[in-house]
């Protein structure tokens, strides 16, 4: 089995990838992640960013599977990135309040053999998320938790942000940042991967960053 490399510093993606029971290396990709305010085809934008992350990391490895992902929160083709400050976070949360939006997590798997890229897959599954109506007090409370500032759309569904969500239509883990069912299918296709005995806690991940 070739080495697995996760091209992301996200602790949420790292935690989810551990479920596959395969040791992996963490190597965040250094790319320009600035987003346009509007995208007519957001899935293509997500795929472009996920591929750029995988290709930025690939030259460091001769034989490896590079796993990269990029999550976009979309409201009527408007892209909501990570808020720069509390005011921007509040504006995003007000925009999401009481309505349904789309979360796209683009997934790129890039297989390296003998210093060459031999396979590359791209997926962009969508999940619809409905927020309940939020008062100013709720928005202020959530911003005070500190969660909005490192997350697209200014919320994390797996933490305090779960209290803001009324319904999820589609893959929950896609909203967290890694579409597990899609990833499992691609791993089977590319590597013939099958689940094995779950590892003991703390044994599944080898974390390092190459520069």
N, C-alpha and C. Protein backbone atom coordinates (compact mmCIF):
# COMPACT_ATOMS: atom_id res chain seq x y z
N UNK A 1 0.85 -1.19 0.00
CA UNK A 1 0.00 0.00 0.00
C UNK A 1 0.89 1.24 0.00
N UNK A 2 0.64 2.18 -0.90
CA UNK A 2 1.44 3.39 -0.97
C UNK A 2 1.12 4.31 0.20
N UNK A 3 2.00 5.26 0.41
CA UNK A 3 1.80 6.22 1.49
C UNK A 3 0.62 7.14 1.17
N UNK A 4 -0.17 7.44 2.20
CA UNK A 4 -1.26 8.40 2.05
C UNK A 4 -0.79 9.76 2.57
N UNK A 5 -1.14 10.82 1.85
CA UNK A 5 -0.77 12.17 2.24
C UNK A 5 -2.02 13.04 2.19
N UNK A 6 -2.35 13.67 3.29
CA UNK A 6 -3.48 14.58 3.35
C UNK A 6 -2.96 16.00 3.15
N UNK A 7 -3.39 16.64 2.07
CA UNK A 7 -2.92 17.99 1.74
C UNK A 7 -3.79 19.03 2.43
N UNK A 8 -3.86 18.96 3.75
CA UNK A 8 -4.73 19.85 4.51
C UNK A 8 -4.26 19.93 5.95
N UNK A 9 -4.33 21.13 6.51
CA UNK A 9 -4.03 21.31 7.93
C UNK A 9 -5.28 21.22 8.79
N UNK A 10 -6.44 20.99 8.17
CA UNK A 10 -7.70 20.99 8.90
C UNK A 10 -7.76 19.84 9.91
N UNK A 11 -7.94 20.14 11.18
CA UNK A 11 -8.08 19.05 12.17
C UNK A 11 -9.33 18.24 11.93
N UNK A 12 -10.35 18.83 11.32
CA UNK A 12 -11.58 18.10 11.06
C UNK A 12 -11.34 17.04 9.98
N UNK A 13 -10.64 17.40 8.92
CA UNK A 13 -10.34 16.41 7.87
C UNK A 13 -9.41 15.33 8.40
N UNK A 14 -8.47 15.70 9.22
CA UNK A 14 -7.56 14.70 9.79
C UNK A 14 -8.33 13.69 10.63
N UNK A 15 -9.26 14.18 11.45
CA UNK A 15 -10.05 13.29 12.30
C UNK A 15 -10.89 12.33 11.47
N UNK A 16 -11.48 12.82 10.39
CA UNK A 16 -12.31 11.97 9.55
C UNK A 16 -11.48 10.94 8.79
N UNK A 17 -10.31 11.35 8.31
CA UNK A 17 -9.48 10.41 7.56
C UNK A 17 -8.98 9.26 8.44
N UNK A 18 -8.86 9.49 9.73
CA UNK A 18 -8.44 8.43 10.65
C UNK A 18 -9.41 7.25 10.63
N UNK A 19 -10.66 7.50 10.25
CA UNK A 19 -11.65 6.43 10.24
C UNK A 19 -11.29 5.31 9.28
N UNK A 20 -10.43 5.60 8.30
CA UNK A 20 -10.06 4.58 7.32
C UNK A 20 -8.97 3.63 7.84
N UNK A 21 -8.41 3.94 9.00
CA UNK A 21 -7.46 3.03 9.63
C UNK A 21 -6.12 2.93 8.93
N UNK A 22 -5.80 3.88 8.08
CA UNK A 22 -4.55 3.85 7.32
C UNK A 22 -3.65 5.00 7.80
N UNK A 23 -2.41 4.71 8.19
CA UNK A 23 -1.50 5.80 8.56
C UNK A 23 -1.38 6.81 7.41
N UNK A 24 -1.30 8.08 7.76
CA UNK A 24 -1.15 9.10 6.73
C UNK A 24 -0.28 10.24 7.23
N UNK A 25 0.30 10.93 6.27
CA UNK A 25 1.11 12.09 6.55
C UNK A 25 0.29 13.35 6.27
N UNK A 26 0.51 14.39 7.06
CA UNK A 26 -0.16 15.66 6.86
C UNK A 26 0.80 16.65 6.22
N UNK A 27 0.43 17.15 5.05
CA UNK A 27 1.28 18.08 4.30
C UNK A 27 0.37 19.16 3.69
N UNK A 28 0.11 20.23 4.45
CA UNK A 28 -0.76 21.28 3.93
C UNK A 28 -0.22 21.90 2.65
N UNK A 29 -1.11 22.20 1.74
CA UNK A 29 -0.73 22.80 0.46
C UNK A 29 -0.69 24.32 0.59
N UNK A 30 0.35 24.92 0.02
CA UNK A 30 0.47 26.37 0.02
C UNK A 30 0.03 26.90 -1.34
N UNK A 31 -1.24 27.28 -1.43
CA UNK A 31 -1.76 27.83 -2.68
C UNK A 31 -2.55 29.10 -2.38
N UNK A 32 -2.83 29.86 -3.40
CA UNK A 32 -3.66 31.05 -3.27
C UNK A 32 -5.12 30.61 -3.20
N UNK A 33 -5.74 30.79 -2.04
CA UNK A 33 -7.12 30.34 -1.85
C UNK A 33 -8.11 31.50 -1.85
N UNK A 34 -7.73 32.63 -2.40
CA UNK A 34 -8.68 33.74 -2.49
C UNK A 34 -9.84 33.36 -3.40
N UNK A 35 -11.04 33.69 -2.96
CA UNK A 35 -12.25 33.27 -3.66
C UNK A 35 -12.94 34.46 -4.31
N UNK A 36 -13.55 34.25 -5.47
CA UNK A 36 -14.39 35.30 -6.03
C UNK A 36 -15.67 35.43 -5.21
N UNK A 37 -16.29 36.60 -5.24
CA UNK A 37 -17.52 36.77 -4.50
C UNK A 37 -18.67 35.98 -5.12
N UNK A 38 -18.62 35.81 -6.43
CA UNK A 38 -19.69 35.11 -7.15
C UNK A 38 -19.07 34.11 -8.10
N UNK A 39 -19.67 32.93 -8.20
CA UNK A 39 -19.22 31.91 -9.15
C UNK A 39 -20.45 31.26 -9.78
N UNK A 40 -20.55 31.32 -11.10
CA UNK A 40 -21.69 30.73 -11.78
C UNK A 40 -21.64 29.21 -11.75
N UNK A 41 -20.42 28.64 -11.62
CA UNK A 41 -20.26 27.19 -11.55
C UNK A 41 -19.35 26.86 -10.37
N UNK A 42 -19.89 26.95 -9.15
CA UNK A 42 -19.07 26.79 -7.95
C UNK A 42 -18.42 25.41 -7.82
N UNK A 43 -19.05 24.37 -8.35
CA UNK A 43 -18.45 23.03 -8.26
C UNK A 43 -17.14 23.00 -9.04
N UNK A 44 -17.10 23.66 -10.19
CA UNK A 44 -15.86 23.71 -10.97
C UNK A 44 -14.78 24.49 -10.23
N UNK A 45 -15.17 25.55 -9.56
CA UNK A 45 -14.22 26.32 -8.76
C UNK A 45 -13.64 25.45 -7.65
N UNK A 46 -14.50 24.71 -6.95
CA UNK A 46 -14.02 23.83 -5.89
C UNK A 46 -13.07 22.77 -6.41
N UNK A 47 -13.40 22.18 -7.56
CA UNK A 47 -12.51 21.17 -8.15
C UNK A 47 -11.16 21.78 -8.52
N UNK A 48 -11.18 22.98 -9.05
CA UNK A 48 -9.93 23.65 -9.42
C UNK A 48 -9.04 23.85 -8.20
N UNK A 49 -9.64 24.27 -7.09
CA UNK A 49 -8.86 24.51 -5.87
C UNK A 49 -8.35 23.20 -5.27
N UNK A 50 -9.20 22.17 -5.22
CA UNK A 50 -8.77 20.88 -4.68
C UNK A 50 -7.63 20.30 -5.51
N UNK A 51 -7.74 20.41 -6.83
CA UNK A 51 -6.68 19.90 -7.70
C UNK A 51 -5.38 20.69 -7.50
N UNK A 52 -5.50 22.01 -7.36
CA UNK A 52 -4.31 22.83 -7.14
C UNK A 52 -3.60 22.43 -5.85
N UNK A 53 -4.37 22.10 -4.81
CA UNK A 53 -3.75 21.66 -3.56
C UNK A 53 -3.01 20.34 -3.75
N UNK A 54 -3.65 19.39 -4.42
CA UNK A 54 -3.01 18.08 -4.63
C UNK A 54 -1.75 18.23 -5.47
N UNK A 55 -1.82 19.03 -6.52
CA UNK A 55 -0.67 19.18 -7.42
C UNK A 55 0.46 19.97 -6.77
N UNK A 56 0.14 20.84 -5.80
CA UNK A 56 1.19 21.58 -5.09
C UNK A 56 2.01 20.66 -4.20
N UNK A 57 1.36 19.62 -3.66
CA UNK A 57 2.03 18.70 -2.74
C UNK A 57 2.69 17.54 -3.48
N UNK A 58 2.14 17.15 -4.62
CA UNK A 58 2.59 15.95 -5.33
C UNK A 58 4.08 15.87 -5.61
N UNK A 59 4.77 16.95 -6.02
CA UNK A 59 6.19 16.83 -6.36
C UNK A 59 7.09 16.38 -5.21
N UNK A 60 6.60 16.46 -3.98
CA UNK A 60 7.40 16.06 -2.82
C UNK A 60 7.42 14.54 -2.62
N UNK A 61 6.61 13.81 -3.39
CA UNK A 61 6.46 12.37 -3.16
C UNK A 61 6.57 11.60 -4.47
N UNK A 62 7.35 10.52 -4.44
CA UNK A 62 7.51 9.67 -5.62
C UNK A 62 6.40 8.64 -5.72
N UNK A 63 6.03 8.06 -4.58
CA UNK A 63 4.99 7.03 -4.54
C UNK A 63 4.04 7.34 -3.39
N UNK A 64 2.88 7.86 -3.71
CA UNK A 64 1.94 8.26 -2.67
C UNK A 64 0.56 8.53 -3.26
N UNK A 65 -0.42 8.48 -2.39
CA UNK A 65 -1.76 8.94 -2.74
C UNK A 65 -1.98 10.27 -2.04
N UNK A 66 -2.17 11.32 -2.82
CA UNK A 66 -2.40 12.65 -2.27
C UNK A 66 -3.91 12.87 -2.20
N UNK A 67 -4.39 13.26 -1.03
CA UNK A 67 -5.81 13.51 -0.81
C UNK A 67 -5.98 15.00 -0.49
N UNK A 68 -6.75 15.69 -1.33
CA UNK A 68 -6.96 17.13 -1.13
C UNK A 68 -8.44 17.44 -1.24
N UNK A 69 -8.86 18.45 -0.52
CA UNK A 69 -10.28 18.83 -0.54
C UNK A 69 -10.41 20.33 -0.36
N UNK A 70 -11.52 20.86 -0.85
CA UNK A 70 -11.81 22.28 -0.67
C UNK A 70 -13.33 22.43 -0.48
N UNK A 71 -13.71 23.12 0.59
CA UNK A 71 -15.12 23.26 0.93
C UNK A 71 -15.59 24.68 0.63
N UNK A 72 -16.72 24.77 -0.08
CA UNK A 72 -17.32 26.05 -0.41
C UNK A 72 -18.74 26.10 0.14
N UNK A 73 -19.11 27.23 0.69
CA UNK A 73 -20.48 27.49 1.12
C UNK A 73 -21.07 28.48 0.11
N UNK A 74 -22.20 28.10 -0.48
CA UNK A 74 -22.75 28.85 -1.61
C UNK A 74 -24.19 29.26 -1.33
N UNK A 75 -24.48 30.54 -1.52
CA UNK A 75 -25.84 31.06 -1.42
C UNK A 75 -26.15 31.81 -2.71
N UNK A 76 -26.99 31.22 -3.55
CA UNK A 76 -27.37 31.83 -4.82
C UNK A 76 -26.13 32.26 -5.62
N UNK A 77 -25.20 31.34 -5.76
CA UNK A 77 -23.95 31.52 -6.51
C UNK A 77 -22.97 32.49 -5.85
N UNK A 78 -23.30 32.99 -4.68
CA UNK A 78 -22.35 33.80 -3.93
C UNK A 78 -21.51 32.87 -3.06
N UNK A 79 -20.21 33.03 -3.09
CA UNK A 79 -19.29 32.18 -2.34
C UNK A 79 -18.98 32.81 -1.00
N UNK A 80 -19.22 32.09 0.07
CA UNK A 80 -18.90 32.57 1.41
C UNK A 80 -17.62 31.88 1.90
N UNK A 81 -16.56 32.64 1.98
CA UNK A 81 -15.29 32.09 2.46
C UNK A 81 -15.19 32.19 3.97
N UNK A 82 -13.97 32.24 4.46
CA UNK A 82 -13.74 32.38 5.90
C UNK A 82 -13.81 33.87 6.25
N UNK A 83 -14.58 34.24 7.25
CA UNK A 83 -14.73 35.66 7.59
C UNK A 83 -13.43 36.25 8.13
N UNK A 84 -13.17 37.49 7.76
CA UNK A 84 -11.95 38.16 8.20
C UNK A 84 -12.07 38.73 9.61
N UNK A 85 -13.30 39.03 10.03
CA UNK A 85 -13.51 39.62 11.35
C UNK A 85 -14.93 39.35 11.81
N UNK A 86 -15.26 39.85 12.99
CA UNK A 86 -16.58 39.58 13.58
C UNK A 86 -17.70 40.19 12.75
N UNK A 87 -17.46 41.36 12.18
CA UNK A 87 -18.51 41.99 11.38
C UNK A 87 -18.83 41.16 10.14
N UNK A 88 -17.79 40.64 9.49
CA UNK A 88 -18.02 39.81 8.31
C UNK A 88 -18.70 38.50 8.69
N UNK A 89 -18.31 37.94 9.83
CA UNK A 89 -18.96 36.71 10.29
C UNK A 89 -20.44 36.95 10.55
N UNK A 90 -20.76 38.07 11.18
CA UNK A 90 -22.16 38.39 11.46
C UNK A 90 -22.95 38.57 10.17
N UNK A 91 -22.35 39.21 9.18
CA UNK A 91 -23.04 39.41 7.90
C UNK A 91 -23.32 38.08 7.22
N UNK A 92 -22.35 37.14 7.29
CA UNK A 92 -22.56 35.83 6.68
C UNK A 92 -23.66 35.06 7.39
N UNK A 93 -23.65 35.09 8.71
CA UNK A 93 -24.65 34.35 9.47
C UNK A 93 -26.05 34.92 9.25
N UNK A 94 -26.15 36.23 9.11
CA UNK A 94 -27.45 36.84 8.81
C UNK A 94 -27.92 36.42 7.42
N UNK A 95 -27.00 36.28 6.48
CA UNK A 95 -27.36 35.84 5.14
C UNK A 95 -27.87 34.40 5.15
N UNK A 96 -27.30 33.55 6.00
CA UNK A 96 -27.69 32.14 6.08
C UNK A 96 -28.96 31.93 6.90
N UNK A 97 -29.26 32.87 7.78
CA UNK A 97 -30.37 32.72 8.71
C UNK A 97 -31.70 32.48 8.00
N UNK A 98 -32.39 31.41 8.41
CA UNK A 98 -33.73 31.14 7.93
C UNK A 98 -33.82 30.69 6.49
N UNK A 99 -32.71 30.25 5.90
CA UNK A 99 -32.76 29.84 4.50
C UNK A 99 -31.88 28.61 4.27
N UNK A 100 -31.99 28.06 3.09
CA UNK A 100 -31.21 26.87 2.73
C UNK A 100 -30.07 27.28 1.81
N UNK A 101 -28.89 26.75 2.10
CA UNK A 101 -27.72 27.02 1.26
C UNK A 101 -27.08 25.70 0.85
N UNK A 102 -26.10 25.79 -0.02
CA UNK A 102 -25.41 24.60 -0.54
C UNK A 102 -23.97 24.56 -0.04
N UNK A 103 -23.54 23.39 0.37
CA UNK A 103 -22.13 23.17 0.72
C UNK A 103 -21.55 22.18 -0.28
N UNK A 104 -20.46 22.57 -0.91
CA UNK A 104 -19.75 21.72 -1.86
C UNK A 104 -18.36 21.44 -1.30
N UNK A 105 -18.02 20.18 -1.15
CA UNK A 105 -16.64 19.83 -0.82
C UNK A 105 -16.05 19.08 -2.01
N UNK A 106 -15.20 19.78 -2.74
CA UNK A 106 -14.52 19.16 -3.87
C UNK A 106 -13.40 18.27 -3.34
N UNK A 107 -13.28 17.08 -3.93
CA UNK A 107 -12.30 16.09 -3.48
C UNK A 107 -11.41 15.68 -4.64
N UNK A 108 -10.11 15.78 -4.44
CA UNK A 108 -9.15 15.35 -5.46
C UNK A 108 -8.25 14.27 -4.88
N UNK A 109 -8.18 13.14 -5.59
CA UNK A 109 -7.22 12.08 -5.26
C UNK A 109 -6.22 12.00 -6.39
N UNK A 110 -4.95 12.09 -6.05
CA UNK A 110 -3.87 12.08 -7.03
C UNK A 110 -2.89 10.97 -6.67
N UNK A 111 -2.71 10.03 -7.57
CA UNK A 111 -1.85 8.87 -7.32
C UNK A 111 -0.51 9.04 -8.00
N UNK A 112 0.55 8.94 -7.20
CA UNK A 112 1.92 9.08 -7.71
C UNK A 112 2.61 7.71 -7.70
N UNK A 113 3.30 7.40 -8.80
CA UNK A 113 4.11 6.19 -8.89
C UNK A 113 5.40 6.52 -9.62
N UNK A 114 6.53 6.17 -8.99
CA UNK A 114 7.86 6.39 -9.59
C UNK A 114 8.05 7.84 -10.04
N UNK A 115 7.56 8.76 -9.22
CA UNK A 115 7.76 10.17 -9.50
C UNK A 115 6.83 10.76 -10.54
N UNK A 116 5.80 10.01 -10.95
CA UNK A 116 4.87 10.50 -11.96
C UNK A 116 3.42 10.38 -11.45
N UNK A 117 2.60 11.31 -11.88
CA UNK A 117 1.17 11.22 -11.59
C UNK A 117 0.54 10.28 -12.59
N UNK A 118 -0.06 9.19 -12.09
CA UNK A 118 -0.62 8.17 -12.98
C UNK A 118 -2.15 8.16 -12.98
N UNK A 119 -2.75 8.69 -11.91
CA UNK A 119 -4.23 8.76 -11.86
C UNK A 119 -4.63 10.02 -11.09
N UNK A 120 -5.75 10.58 -11.48
CA UNK A 120 -6.29 11.73 -10.77
C UNK A 120 -7.81 11.70 -10.88
N UNK A 121 -8.48 11.84 -9.75
CA UNK A 121 -9.94 11.88 -9.76
C UNK A 121 -10.42 13.18 -9.12
N UNK A 122 -11.56 13.65 -9.58
CA UNK A 122 -12.17 14.87 -9.05
C UNK A 122 -13.66 14.64 -8.83
N UNK A 123 -14.14 14.99 -7.66
CA UNK A 123 -15.56 14.92 -7.34
C UNK A 123 -15.95 16.20 -6.61
N UNK A 124 -17.24 16.51 -6.66
CA UNK A 124 -17.73 17.70 -5.96
C UNK A 124 -19.16 17.47 -5.46
N UNK A 125 -19.32 16.58 -4.48
CA UNK A 125 -20.66 16.32 -3.95
C UNK A 125 -21.24 17.56 -3.26
N UNK A 126 -22.56 17.65 -3.31
CA UNK A 126 -23.28 18.79 -2.73
C UNK A 126 -24.17 18.34 -1.58
N UNK A 127 -24.27 19.19 -0.59
CA UNK A 127 -25.19 18.98 0.51
C UNK A 127 -25.97 20.28 0.73
N UNK A 128 -27.27 20.14 0.95
CA UNK A 128 -28.10 21.31 1.25
C UNK A 128 -28.28 21.41 2.76
N UNK A 129 -28.10 22.61 3.29
CA UNK A 129 -28.19 22.84 4.73
C UNK A 129 -29.17 23.99 4.98
N UNK A 130 -30.13 23.74 5.87
CA UNK A 130 -31.07 24.80 6.22
C UNK A 130 -30.80 25.31 7.62
N UNK A 131 -30.63 26.63 7.73
CA UNK A 131 -30.47 27.28 9.02
C UNK A 131 -31.84 27.67 9.58
N UNK A 132 -31.97 27.61 10.88
CA UNK A 132 -33.15 28.19 11.49
C UNK A 132 -32.99 29.71 11.53
N UNK A 133 -34.05 30.42 11.81
CA UNK A 133 -33.97 31.88 11.89
C UNK A 133 -33.19 32.27 13.15
N UNK A 134 -32.19 33.12 12.95
CA UNK A 134 -31.29 33.49 14.05
C UNK A 134 -31.52 34.93 14.48
N UNK A 135 -31.63 35.15 15.77
CA UNK A 135 -31.71 36.50 16.30
C UNK A 135 -30.31 37.10 16.36
N UNK A 136 -30.25 38.40 16.56
CA UNK A 136 -28.95 39.05 16.72
C UNK A 136 -28.21 38.50 17.94
N UNK A 137 -28.97 38.13 18.97
CA UNK A 137 -28.36 37.59 20.18
C UNK A 137 -27.70 36.24 19.90
N UNK A 138 -28.37 35.40 19.13
CA UNK A 138 -27.78 34.11 18.77
C UNK A 138 -26.51 34.31 17.93
N UNK A 139 -26.56 35.21 17.00
CA UNK A 139 -25.40 35.46 16.14
C UNK A 139 -24.23 35.98 16.97
N UNK A 140 -24.51 36.91 17.88
CA UNK A 140 -23.44 37.45 18.73
C UNK A 140 -22.85 36.36 19.62
N UNK A 141 -23.73 35.50 20.17
CA UNK A 141 -23.24 34.39 21.00
C UNK A 141 -22.34 33.47 20.21
N UNK A 142 -22.77 33.13 19.00
CA UNK A 142 -21.97 32.18 18.22
C UNK A 142 -20.62 32.77 17.83
N UNK A 143 -20.59 34.03 17.50
CA UNK A 143 -19.31 34.67 17.17
C UNK A 143 -18.38 34.64 18.37
N UNK A 144 -18.94 34.80 19.57
CA UNK A 144 -18.11 34.80 20.78
C UNK A 144 -17.49 33.43 21.05
N UNK A 145 -18.03 32.37 20.46
CA UNK A 145 -17.41 31.05 20.65
C UNK A 145 -16.08 30.96 19.90
N UNK A 146 -15.87 31.85 18.93
CA UNK A 146 -14.64 31.83 18.14
C UNK A 146 -14.66 30.86 16.97
N UNK A 147 -15.73 30.11 16.82
CA UNK A 147 -15.79 29.11 15.75
C UNK A 147 -15.81 29.67 14.33
N UNK A 148 -16.45 30.81 14.09
CA UNK A 148 -16.64 31.22 12.70
C UNK A 148 -15.37 31.53 11.93
N UNK A 149 -14.28 31.84 12.59
CA UNK A 149 -13.18 32.51 11.91
C UNK A 149 -12.27 31.62 11.07
N UNK A 150 -12.34 30.32 11.24
CA UNK A 150 -11.50 29.45 10.39
C UNK A 150 -12.36 28.53 9.54
N UNK A 151 -13.61 28.95 9.30
CA UNK A 151 -14.53 28.06 8.59
C UNK A 151 -15.25 28.81 7.49
N UNK A 152 -15.37 28.16 6.34
CA UNK A 152 -16.14 28.72 5.23
C UNK A 152 -17.58 28.91 5.66
N UNK A 153 -18.14 30.07 5.32
CA UNK A 153 -19.52 30.35 5.70
C UNK A 153 -19.70 30.76 7.14
N UNK A 154 -18.61 30.84 7.88
CA UNK A 154 -18.62 31.33 9.27
C UNK A 154 -19.32 30.39 10.25
N UNK A 155 -19.35 29.07 9.93
CA UNK A 155 -19.91 28.14 10.92
C UNK A 155 -19.31 26.76 10.75
N UNK A 156 -19.33 26.00 11.84
CA UNK A 156 -18.90 24.60 11.82
C UNK A 156 -20.04 23.74 12.32
N UNK A 157 -20.55 22.88 11.47
CA UNK A 157 -21.74 22.11 11.83
C UNK A 157 -21.47 21.07 12.91
N UNK A 158 -20.22 20.67 13.07
CA UNK A 158 -19.90 19.60 14.02
C UNK A 158 -19.65 20.12 15.43
N UNK A 159 -19.73 21.43 15.62
CA UNK A 159 -19.46 22.00 16.94
C UNK A 159 -20.67 22.82 17.39
N UNK A 160 -20.43 23.99 18.00
CA UNK A 160 -21.55 24.83 18.46
C UNK A 160 -22.46 25.21 17.29
N UNK A 161 -21.92 25.25 16.09
CA UNK A 161 -22.73 25.60 14.93
C UNK A 161 -23.88 24.66 14.69
N UNK A 162 -23.84 23.47 15.25
CA UNK A 162 -24.96 22.53 15.11
C UNK A 162 -26.24 23.12 15.67
N UNK A 163 -26.14 24.03 16.61
CA UNK A 163 -27.32 24.64 17.21
C UNK A 163 -28.01 25.63 16.26
N UNK A 164 -27.34 25.97 15.17
CA UNK A 164 -27.90 26.91 14.21
C UNK A 164 -28.63 26.21 13.07
N UNK A 165 -28.42 24.89 12.95
CA UNK A 165 -28.88 24.14 11.78
C UNK A 165 -30.20 23.45 12.05
N UNK A 166 -31.13 23.65 11.12
CA UNK A 166 -32.45 23.03 11.24
C UNK A 166 -32.54 21.69 10.51
N UNK A 167 -31.86 21.57 9.36
CA UNK A 167 -31.94 20.34 8.58
C UNK A 167 -30.74 20.22 7.65
N UNK A 168 -30.39 18.97 7.34
CA UNK A 168 -29.31 18.66 6.40
C UNK A 168 -29.84 17.69 5.37
N UNK A 169 -29.63 18.01 4.10
CA UNK A 169 -30.10 17.16 3.00
C UNK A 169 -28.89 16.69 2.20
N UNK A 170 -28.46 15.47 2.47
CA UNK A 170 -27.28 14.94 1.81
C UNK A 170 -26.24 14.50 2.82
N UNK A 171 -25.01 14.41 2.39
CA UNK A 171 -23.93 13.90 3.24
C UNK A 171 -23.52 14.91 4.30
N UNK A 172 -23.71 14.54 5.56
CA UNK A 172 -23.32 15.41 6.68
C UNK A 172 -21.81 15.67 6.67
N UNK A 173 -21.02 14.63 6.40
CA UNK A 173 -19.57 14.78 6.47
C UNK A 173 -19.04 15.67 5.35
N UNK A 174 -19.80 15.81 4.30
CA UNK A 174 -19.45 16.76 3.25
C UNK A 174 -19.43 18.18 3.80
N UNK A 175 -20.32 18.47 4.72
CA UNK A 175 -20.38 19.78 5.36
C UNK A 175 -19.22 19.96 6.33
N UNK A 176 -18.85 18.90 7.01
CA UNK A 176 -17.71 18.95 7.93
C UNK A 176 -16.41 19.20 7.16
N UNK A 177 -16.32 18.67 5.92
CA UNK A 177 -15.14 18.97 5.12
C UNK A 177 -14.51 17.81 4.39
N UNK A 178 -15.09 16.60 4.52
CA UNK A 178 -14.54 15.45 3.81
C UNK A 178 -15.67 14.47 3.50
N UNK A 179 -16.10 14.35 2.25
CA UNK A 179 -17.21 13.45 1.91
C UNK A 179 -16.78 11.99 1.98
N UNK A 180 -17.08 11.34 3.08
CA UNK A 180 -16.50 10.03 3.37
C UNK A 180 -16.95 8.95 2.40
N UNK A 181 -18.22 8.93 2.02
CA UNK A 181 -18.69 7.89 1.11
C UNK A 181 -18.01 8.02 -0.26
N UNK A 182 -17.89 9.24 -0.74
CA UNK A 182 -17.20 9.47 -2.01
C UNK A 182 -15.74 9.06 -1.92
N UNK A 183 -15.10 9.42 -0.81
CA UNK A 183 -13.70 9.06 -0.63
C UNK A 183 -13.52 7.54 -0.58
N UNK A 184 -14.40 6.84 0.14
CA UNK A 184 -14.30 5.38 0.22
C UNK A 184 -14.42 4.74 -1.16
N UNK A 185 -15.35 5.24 -1.96
CA UNK A 185 -15.54 4.70 -3.30
C UNK A 185 -14.30 4.91 -4.16
N UNK A 186 -13.72 6.09 -4.10
CA UNK A 186 -12.52 6.36 -4.90
C UNK A 186 -11.32 5.55 -4.43
N UNK A 187 -11.20 5.35 -3.13
CA UNK A 187 -10.09 4.53 -2.61
C UNK A 187 -10.20 3.09 -3.09
N UNK A 188 -11.42 2.57 -3.15
CA UNK A 188 -11.62 1.22 -3.67
C UNK A 188 -11.22 1.15 -5.15
N UNK A 189 -11.59 2.18 -5.92
CA UNK A 189 -11.31 2.18 -7.35
C UNK A 189 -9.81 2.34 -7.65
N UNK A 190 -9.15 3.25 -6.91
CA UNK A 190 -7.75 3.55 -7.20
C UNK A 190 -6.78 2.53 -6.61
N UNK A 191 -7.07 2.09 -5.39
CA UNK A 191 -6.11 1.26 -4.65
C UNK A 191 -6.62 -0.13 -4.31
N UNK A 192 -7.90 -0.39 -4.58
CA UNK A 192 -8.47 -1.64 -4.12
C UNK A 192 -8.57 -1.68 -2.61
N UNK A 193 -8.68 -0.50 -1.99
CA UNK A 193 -8.72 -0.41 -0.53
C UNK A 193 -9.96 -1.09 0.04
N UNK A 194 -9.75 -1.81 1.15
CA UNK A 194 -10.84 -2.41 1.90
C UNK A 194 -10.65 -2.10 3.38
N UNK A 195 -11.73 -1.95 4.14
CA UNK A 195 -11.58 -1.68 5.57
C UNK A 195 -10.92 -2.84 6.29
N UNK A 196 -10.10 -2.51 7.25
CA UNK A 196 -9.40 -3.51 8.06
C UNK A 196 -9.79 -3.34 9.52
N UNK A 197 -9.13 -4.07 10.39
CA UNK A 197 -9.40 -3.94 11.82
C UNK A 197 -9.07 -2.53 12.27
N UNK A 198 -9.99 -1.85 12.95
CA UNK A 198 -9.72 -0.48 13.39
C UNK A 198 -8.47 -0.42 14.26
N UNK A 199 -7.64 0.61 14.07
CA UNK A 199 -6.42 0.73 14.87
C UNK A 199 -6.73 1.18 16.29
N UNK A 200 -5.78 1.00 17.17
CA UNK A 200 -5.92 1.51 18.53
C UNK A 200 -5.90 3.03 18.47
N UNK A 201 -6.54 3.70 19.43
CA UNK A 201 -6.57 5.16 19.43
C UNK A 201 -5.16 5.74 19.36
N UNK A 202 -4.98 6.74 18.51
CA UNK A 202 -3.70 7.43 18.41
C UNK A 202 -2.70 6.78 17.48
N UNK A 203 -3.02 5.62 16.89
CA UNK A 203 -2.05 4.92 16.05
C UNK A 203 -2.24 5.16 14.56
N UNK A 204 -3.31 5.82 14.19
CA UNK A 204 -3.64 5.90 12.76
C UNK A 204 -2.95 7.03 12.02
N UNK A 205 -2.42 8.01 12.73
CA UNK A 205 -1.93 9.21 12.06
C UNK A 205 -0.47 9.46 12.35
N UNK A 206 0.28 9.76 11.31
CA UNK A 206 1.64 10.24 11.44
C UNK A 206 1.62 11.65 10.89
N UNK A 207 1.86 12.64 11.74
CA UNK A 207 1.72 14.03 11.33
C UNK A 207 3.08 14.67 11.14
N UNK A 208 3.33 15.20 9.95
CA UNK A 208 4.55 15.95 9.71
C UNK A 208 4.31 16.87 8.55
N UNK A 209 5.13 17.91 8.46
CA UNK A 209 5.02 18.88 7.37
C UNK A 209 6.37 19.01 6.72
N UNK A 210 6.43 18.74 5.44
CA UNK A 210 7.67 18.94 4.68
C UNK A 210 7.70 20.35 4.13
N UNK A 211 8.90 20.91 4.06
CA UNK A 211 9.06 22.24 3.46
C UNK A 211 10.17 22.17 2.43
